[in-house]
Amino acid sequence: PRRKVQQEEPEPVEDDHLSSDSESEEDADGVAGDPRFMWSATDEPHASRRKEILAKYPEIKKLYGHCPLTKWKVLFVLVSQLWIASVVADKSWSTLLLVAYTYG
């Protein structure tokens, strides 16, 4: 028969780098938070930067999209790494480490 076992609550661990008097400080919105980080109410920087760049250089838009060669490059790397793995499978550790460092 099973019986219930009551587990004790773990004691909280206090990190020295987190504990300070400034932990309870509130930011500009009145929300308490970690003083090491700053909340910014501005727009997402990448989207606004992209809009600026496109306004200044509209010809960049034609560079958007997928590169058709990527799938072939990835396939080549995958097949070559599998082939090299089969070649060095029975080699010494030093050879394996050398190949892993140079090609892996």
N, C-alpha and C. Protein backbone atom coordinates (compact mmCIF):
# COMPACT_ATOMS: atom_id res chain seq x y z
N PRO A 1 0.83 -1.18 0.00
CA PRO A 1 0.00 0.00 0.00
C PRO A 1 0.87 1.25 0.00
N ARG A 2 0.43 2.24 -0.72
CA ARG A 2 1.15 3.51 -0.79
C ARG A 2 0.71 4.41 0.35
N ARG A 3 1.62 5.22 0.80
CA ARG A 3 1.27 6.20 1.81
C ARG A 3 1.81 7.54 1.40
N LYS A 4 1.12 8.55 1.79
CA LYS A 4 1.52 9.91 1.44
C LYS A 4 2.68 10.33 2.31
N VAL A 5 3.64 10.98 1.67
CA VAL A 5 4.78 11.52 2.39
C VAL A 5 4.76 13.02 2.19
N GLN A 6 4.76 13.73 3.28
CA GLN A 6 4.73 15.18 3.19
C GLN A 6 6.16 15.68 3.02
N GLN A 7 6.38 16.43 1.94
CA GLN A 7 7.72 16.95 1.68
C GLN A 7 7.87 18.30 2.34
N GLU A 8 9.06 18.52 2.85
CA GLU A 8 9.34 19.81 3.47
C GLU A 8 9.60 20.85 2.39
N GLU A 9 9.20 22.06 2.66
CA GLU A 9 9.46 23.17 1.75
C GLU A 9 10.95 23.49 1.78
N PRO A 10 11.61 23.60 0.63
CA PRO A 10 13.03 23.97 0.64
C PRO A 10 13.20 25.42 1.08
N GLU A 11 14.28 25.64 1.81
CA GLU A 11 14.55 27.00 2.26
C GLU A 11 15.02 27.84 1.08
N PRO A 12 14.58 29.08 0.98
CA PRO A 12 15.01 29.91 -0.14
C PRO A 12 16.50 30.22 -0.05
N VAL A 13 17.14 30.17 -1.19
CA VAL A 13 18.56 30.47 -1.27
C VAL A 13 18.70 31.91 -1.71
N GLU A 14 19.49 32.66 -0.99
CA GLU A 14 19.64 34.07 -1.31
C GLU A 14 21.00 34.29 -1.99
N ASP A 15 20.96 34.77 -3.20
CA ASP A 15 22.19 35.06 -3.94
C ASP A 15 22.72 36.42 -3.52
N ASP A 16 24.03 36.49 -3.30
CA ASP A 16 24.64 37.75 -2.89
C ASP A 16 24.49 38.83 -3.95
N HIS A 17 24.62 38.44 -5.23
CA HIS A 17 24.57 39.44 -6.29
C HIS A 17 23.15 39.95 -6.54
N LEU A 18 22.15 39.22 -6.04
CA LEU A 18 20.78 39.68 -6.22
C LEU A 18 20.24 40.44 -5.02
N SER A 19 20.78 40.13 -3.85
CA SER A 19 20.22 40.77 -2.66
C SER A 19 20.84 42.14 -2.47
N SER A 20 19.97 43.13 -2.46
CA SER A 20 20.41 44.49 -2.22
C SER A 20 19.21 45.30 -1.77
N ASP A 21 19.47 46.47 -1.33
CA ASP A 21 18.37 47.33 -0.90
C ASP A 21 17.57 47.84 -2.09
N SER A 22 18.18 47.83 -3.28
CA SER A 22 17.50 48.39 -4.46
C SER A 22 16.53 47.40 -5.10
N GLU A 23 16.40 46.19 -4.56
CA GLU A 23 15.49 45.21 -5.15
C GLU A 23 14.04 45.68 -5.11
N SER A 24 13.70 46.41 -4.08
CA SER A 24 12.32 46.82 -3.94
C SER A 24 12.02 48.14 -4.65
N GLU A 25 13.03 48.70 -5.32
CA GLU A 25 12.79 49.95 -6.04
C GLU A 25 11.85 49.71 -7.20
N GLU A 26 11.05 50.70 -7.48
CA GLU A 26 10.11 50.59 -8.58
C GLU A 26 10.62 51.38 -9.77
N ASP A 27 10.30 50.90 -10.98
CA ASP A 27 10.73 51.63 -12.18
C ASP A 27 9.73 52.74 -12.48
N ALA A 28 9.84 53.34 -13.65
CA ALA A 28 9.02 54.49 -14.00
C ALA A 28 7.53 54.16 -14.04
N ASP A 29 7.20 52.89 -14.33
CA ASP A 29 5.79 52.49 -14.39
C ASP A 29 5.25 52.06 -13.03
N GLY A 30 6.09 52.11 -12.01
CA GLY A 30 5.65 51.70 -10.68
C GLY A 30 5.72 50.21 -10.47
N VAL A 31 6.50 49.49 -11.29
CA VAL A 31 6.61 48.05 -11.18
C VAL A 31 7.98 47.72 -10.60
N ALA A 32 7.99 46.91 -9.55
CA ALA A 32 9.26 46.51 -8.94
C ALA A 32 9.93 45.51 -9.86
N GLY A 33 11.25 45.60 -9.98
CA GLY A 33 11.96 44.68 -10.85
C GLY A 33 13.42 44.61 -10.49
N ASP A 34 14.15 43.85 -11.26
CA ASP A 34 15.57 43.68 -11.05
C ASP A 34 16.28 44.96 -11.46
N PRO A 35 17.04 45.57 -10.57
CA PRO A 35 17.69 46.85 -10.89
C PRO A 35 18.78 46.74 -11.95
N ARG A 36 19.19 45.51 -12.28
CA ARG A 36 20.24 45.34 -13.29
C ARG A 36 19.71 45.46 -14.70
N PHE A 37 18.38 45.48 -14.87
CA PHE A 37 17.79 45.55 -16.19
C PHE A 37 16.94 46.81 -16.30
N MET A 38 16.83 47.31 -17.52
CA MET A 38 16.05 48.51 -17.76
C MET A 38 14.94 48.19 -18.75
N TRP A 39 13.73 48.58 -18.43
CA TRP A 39 12.59 48.38 -19.33
C TRP A 39 12.46 49.61 -20.21
N SER A 40 12.37 49.39 -21.49
CA SER A 40 12.23 50.48 -22.43
C SER A 40 10.84 50.44 -23.04
N ALA A 41 10.17 51.58 -23.07
CA ALA A 41 8.83 51.64 -23.62
C ALA A 41 8.83 52.00 -25.11
N THR A 42 10.00 52.06 -25.72
CA THR A 42 10.09 52.40 -27.14
C THR A 42 9.72 51.19 -28.00
N ASP A 43 9.54 51.44 -29.30
CA ASP A 43 9.22 50.36 -30.23
C ASP A 43 10.36 49.35 -30.29
N GLU A 44 10.05 48.21 -30.84
CA GLU A 44 11.05 47.18 -31.03
C GLU A 44 12.13 47.73 -31.96
N PRO A 45 13.39 47.72 -31.55
CA PRO A 45 14.43 48.43 -32.31
C PRO A 45 14.71 47.85 -33.70
N HIS A 46 14.55 46.54 -33.88
CA HIS A 46 14.86 45.97 -35.18
C HIS A 46 13.84 46.39 -36.23
N ALA A 47 12.57 46.42 -35.85
CA ALA A 47 11.53 46.81 -36.81
C ALA A 47 11.67 48.28 -37.21
N SER A 48 11.91 49.15 -36.24
CA SER A 48 12.05 50.57 -36.57
C SER A 48 13.32 50.81 -37.39
N ARG A 49 14.38 50.09 -37.09
CA ARG A 49 15.62 50.23 -37.87
C ARG A 49 15.41 49.73 -39.31
N ARG A 50 14.67 48.63 -39.46
CA ARG A 50 14.39 48.10 -40.80
C ARG A 50 13.59 49.12 -41.61
N LYS A 51 12.63 49.77 -40.99
CA LYS A 51 11.83 50.79 -41.69
C LYS A 51 12.72 51.96 -42.13
N GLU A 52 13.63 52.38 -41.26
CA GLU A 52 14.55 53.48 -41.62
C GLU A 52 15.42 53.10 -42.81
N ILE A 53 15.96 51.91 -42.77
CA ILE A 53 16.86 51.46 -43.85
C ILE A 53 16.10 51.33 -45.15
N LEU A 54 14.88 50.76 -45.11
CA LEU A 54 14.08 50.61 -46.34
C LEU A 54 13.66 51.95 -46.91
N ALA A 55 13.40 52.93 -46.04
CA ALA A 55 13.04 54.26 -46.53
C ALA A 55 14.23 54.91 -47.24
N LYS A 56 15.41 54.67 -46.71
CA LYS A 56 16.60 55.29 -47.29
C LYS A 56 17.12 54.51 -48.50
N TYR A 57 17.03 53.17 -48.46
CA TYR A 57 17.54 52.32 -49.53
C TYR A 57 16.47 51.32 -49.96
N PRO A 58 15.48 51.71 -50.76
CA PRO A 58 14.39 50.80 -51.13
C PRO A 58 14.86 49.60 -51.97
N GLU A 59 16.01 49.70 -52.61
CA GLU A 59 16.49 48.59 -53.45
C GLU A 59 16.87 47.36 -52.63
N ILE A 60 17.00 47.52 -51.33
CA ILE A 60 17.34 46.39 -50.45
C ILE A 60 16.20 45.38 -50.42
N LYS A 61 14.99 45.82 -50.62
CA LYS A 61 13.82 44.95 -50.53
C LYS A 61 13.93 43.76 -51.49
N LYS A 62 14.58 43.96 -52.65
CA LYS A 62 14.68 42.85 -53.60
C LYS A 62 15.66 41.77 -53.12
N LEU A 63 16.42 42.05 -52.08
CA LEU A 63 17.33 41.05 -51.52
C LEU A 63 16.65 40.15 -50.49
N TYR A 64 15.41 40.47 -50.12
CA TYR A 64 14.65 39.64 -49.18
C TYR A 64 14.35 38.29 -49.81
N GLY A 65 14.23 37.28 -49.00
CA GLY A 65 13.81 35.97 -49.49
C GLY A 65 14.84 34.89 -49.15
N HIS A 66 14.58 33.73 -49.67
CA HIS A 66 15.42 32.57 -49.40
C HIS A 66 16.48 32.41 -50.48
N CYS A 67 17.64 31.95 -50.08
CA CYS A 67 18.70 31.64 -51.04
C CYS A 67 18.49 30.20 -51.50
N PRO A 68 18.34 29.96 -52.79
CA PRO A 68 18.08 28.60 -53.26
C PRO A 68 19.26 27.65 -53.07
N LEU A 69 20.46 28.18 -52.89
CA LEU A 69 21.62 27.32 -52.72
C LEU A 69 21.79 26.80 -51.29
N THR A 70 21.09 27.36 -50.34
CA THR A 70 21.28 26.98 -48.94
C THR A 70 21.00 25.51 -48.71
N LYS A 71 19.92 24.98 -49.27
CA LYS A 71 19.59 23.57 -49.03
C LYS A 71 20.69 22.65 -49.56
N TRP A 72 21.32 23.03 -50.68
CA TRP A 72 22.37 22.19 -51.23
C TRP A 72 23.65 22.27 -50.41
N LYS A 73 23.94 23.45 -49.88
CA LYS A 73 25.11 23.61 -49.02
C LYS A 73 24.95 22.80 -47.74
N VAL A 74 23.76 22.86 -47.14
CA VAL A 74 23.49 22.11 -45.92
C VAL A 74 23.55 20.62 -46.19
N LEU A 75 22.99 20.17 -47.28
CA LEU A 75 23.04 18.76 -47.65
C LEU A 75 24.48 18.29 -47.84
N PHE A 76 25.30 19.10 -48.50
CA PHE A 76 26.70 18.75 -48.71
C PHE A 76 27.43 18.62 -47.38
N VAL A 77 27.24 19.57 -46.48
CA VAL A 77 27.92 19.52 -45.18
C VAL A 77 27.46 18.29 -44.40
N LEU A 78 26.16 18.01 -44.41
CA LEU A 78 25.63 16.86 -43.69
C LEU A 78 26.21 15.55 -44.21
N VAL A 79 26.18 15.37 -45.52
CA VAL A 79 26.69 14.13 -46.12
C VAL A 79 28.19 14.00 -45.88
N SER A 80 28.94 15.10 -46.02
CA SER A 80 30.38 15.01 -45.82
C SER A 80 30.73 14.72 -44.36
N GLN A 81 29.99 15.28 -43.41
CA GLN A 81 30.27 14.98 -42.00
C GLN A 81 29.92 13.54 -41.67
N LEU A 82 28.83 13.02 -42.22
CA LEU A 82 28.51 11.61 -42.00
C LEU A 82 29.55 10.70 -42.62
N TRP A 83 30.04 11.04 -43.79
CA TRP A 83 31.08 10.24 -44.44
C TRP A 83 32.36 10.26 -43.61
N ILE A 84 32.77 11.45 -43.15
CA ILE A 84 33.98 11.55 -42.33
C ILE A 84 33.80 10.78 -41.03
N ALA A 85 32.61 10.82 -40.44
CA ALA A 85 32.36 10.06 -39.21
C ALA A 85 32.53 8.57 -39.45
N SER A 86 32.10 8.07 -40.59
CA SER A 86 32.28 6.65 -40.88
C SER A 86 33.74 6.30 -41.14
N VAL A 87 34.50 7.24 -41.69
CA VAL A 87 35.92 6.99 -41.96
C VAL A 87 36.73 6.96 -40.67
N VAL A 88 36.46 7.86 -39.74
CA VAL A 88 37.27 7.95 -38.52
C VAL A 88 36.71 7.11 -37.37
N ALA A 89 35.68 6.31 -37.64
CA ALA A 89 35.05 5.53 -36.57
C ALA A 89 36.02 4.56 -35.90
N ASP A 90 36.95 4.00 -36.65
CA ASP A 90 37.88 3.03 -36.07
C ASP A 90 39.30 3.58 -35.94
N LYS A 91 39.45 4.87 -35.96
CA LYS A 91 40.77 5.50 -35.83
C LYS A 91 41.07 5.78 -34.36
N SER A 92 42.28 6.23 -34.10
CA SER A 92 42.69 6.53 -32.72
C SER A 92 42.01 7.80 -32.22
N TRP A 93 42.08 7.99 -30.89
CA TRP A 93 41.47 9.18 -30.29
C TRP A 93 42.14 10.46 -30.79
N SER A 94 43.43 10.41 -30.97
CA SER A 94 44.13 11.61 -31.43
C SER A 94 43.67 12.01 -32.84
N THR A 95 43.47 11.03 -33.71
CA THR A 95 42.96 11.31 -35.05
C THR A 95 41.53 11.84 -34.99
N LEU A 96 40.72 11.22 -34.13
CA LEU A 96 39.33 11.64 -33.97
C LEU A 96 39.27 13.09 -33.48
N LEU A 97 40.09 13.44 -32.49
CA LEU A 97 40.09 14.80 -31.97
C LEU A 97 40.59 15.80 -33.02
N LEU A 98 41.60 15.41 -33.79
CA LEU A 98 42.11 16.29 -34.84
C LEU A 98 41.03 16.56 -35.90
N VAL A 99 40.35 15.50 -36.33
CA VAL A 99 39.29 15.65 -37.35
C VAL A 99 38.13 16.46 -36.77
N ALA A 100 37.76 16.19 -35.53
CA ALA A 100 36.66 16.94 -34.91
C ALA A 100 37.02 18.42 -34.78
N TYR A 101 38.25 18.70 -34.46
CA TYR A 101 38.67 20.10 -34.31
C TYR A 101 38.72 20.82 -35.67
N THR A 102 39.22 20.15 -36.68
CA THR A 102 39.40 20.81 -37.98
C THR A 102 38.13 20.83 -38.82
N TYR A 103 37.30 19.79 -38.73
CA TYR A 103 36.14 19.73 -39.62
C TYR A 103 34.81 19.78 -38.90
N GLY A 104 34.80 19.36 -37.65
CA GLY A 104 33.53 19.16 -36.93
C GLY A 104 32.86 20.38 -36.51
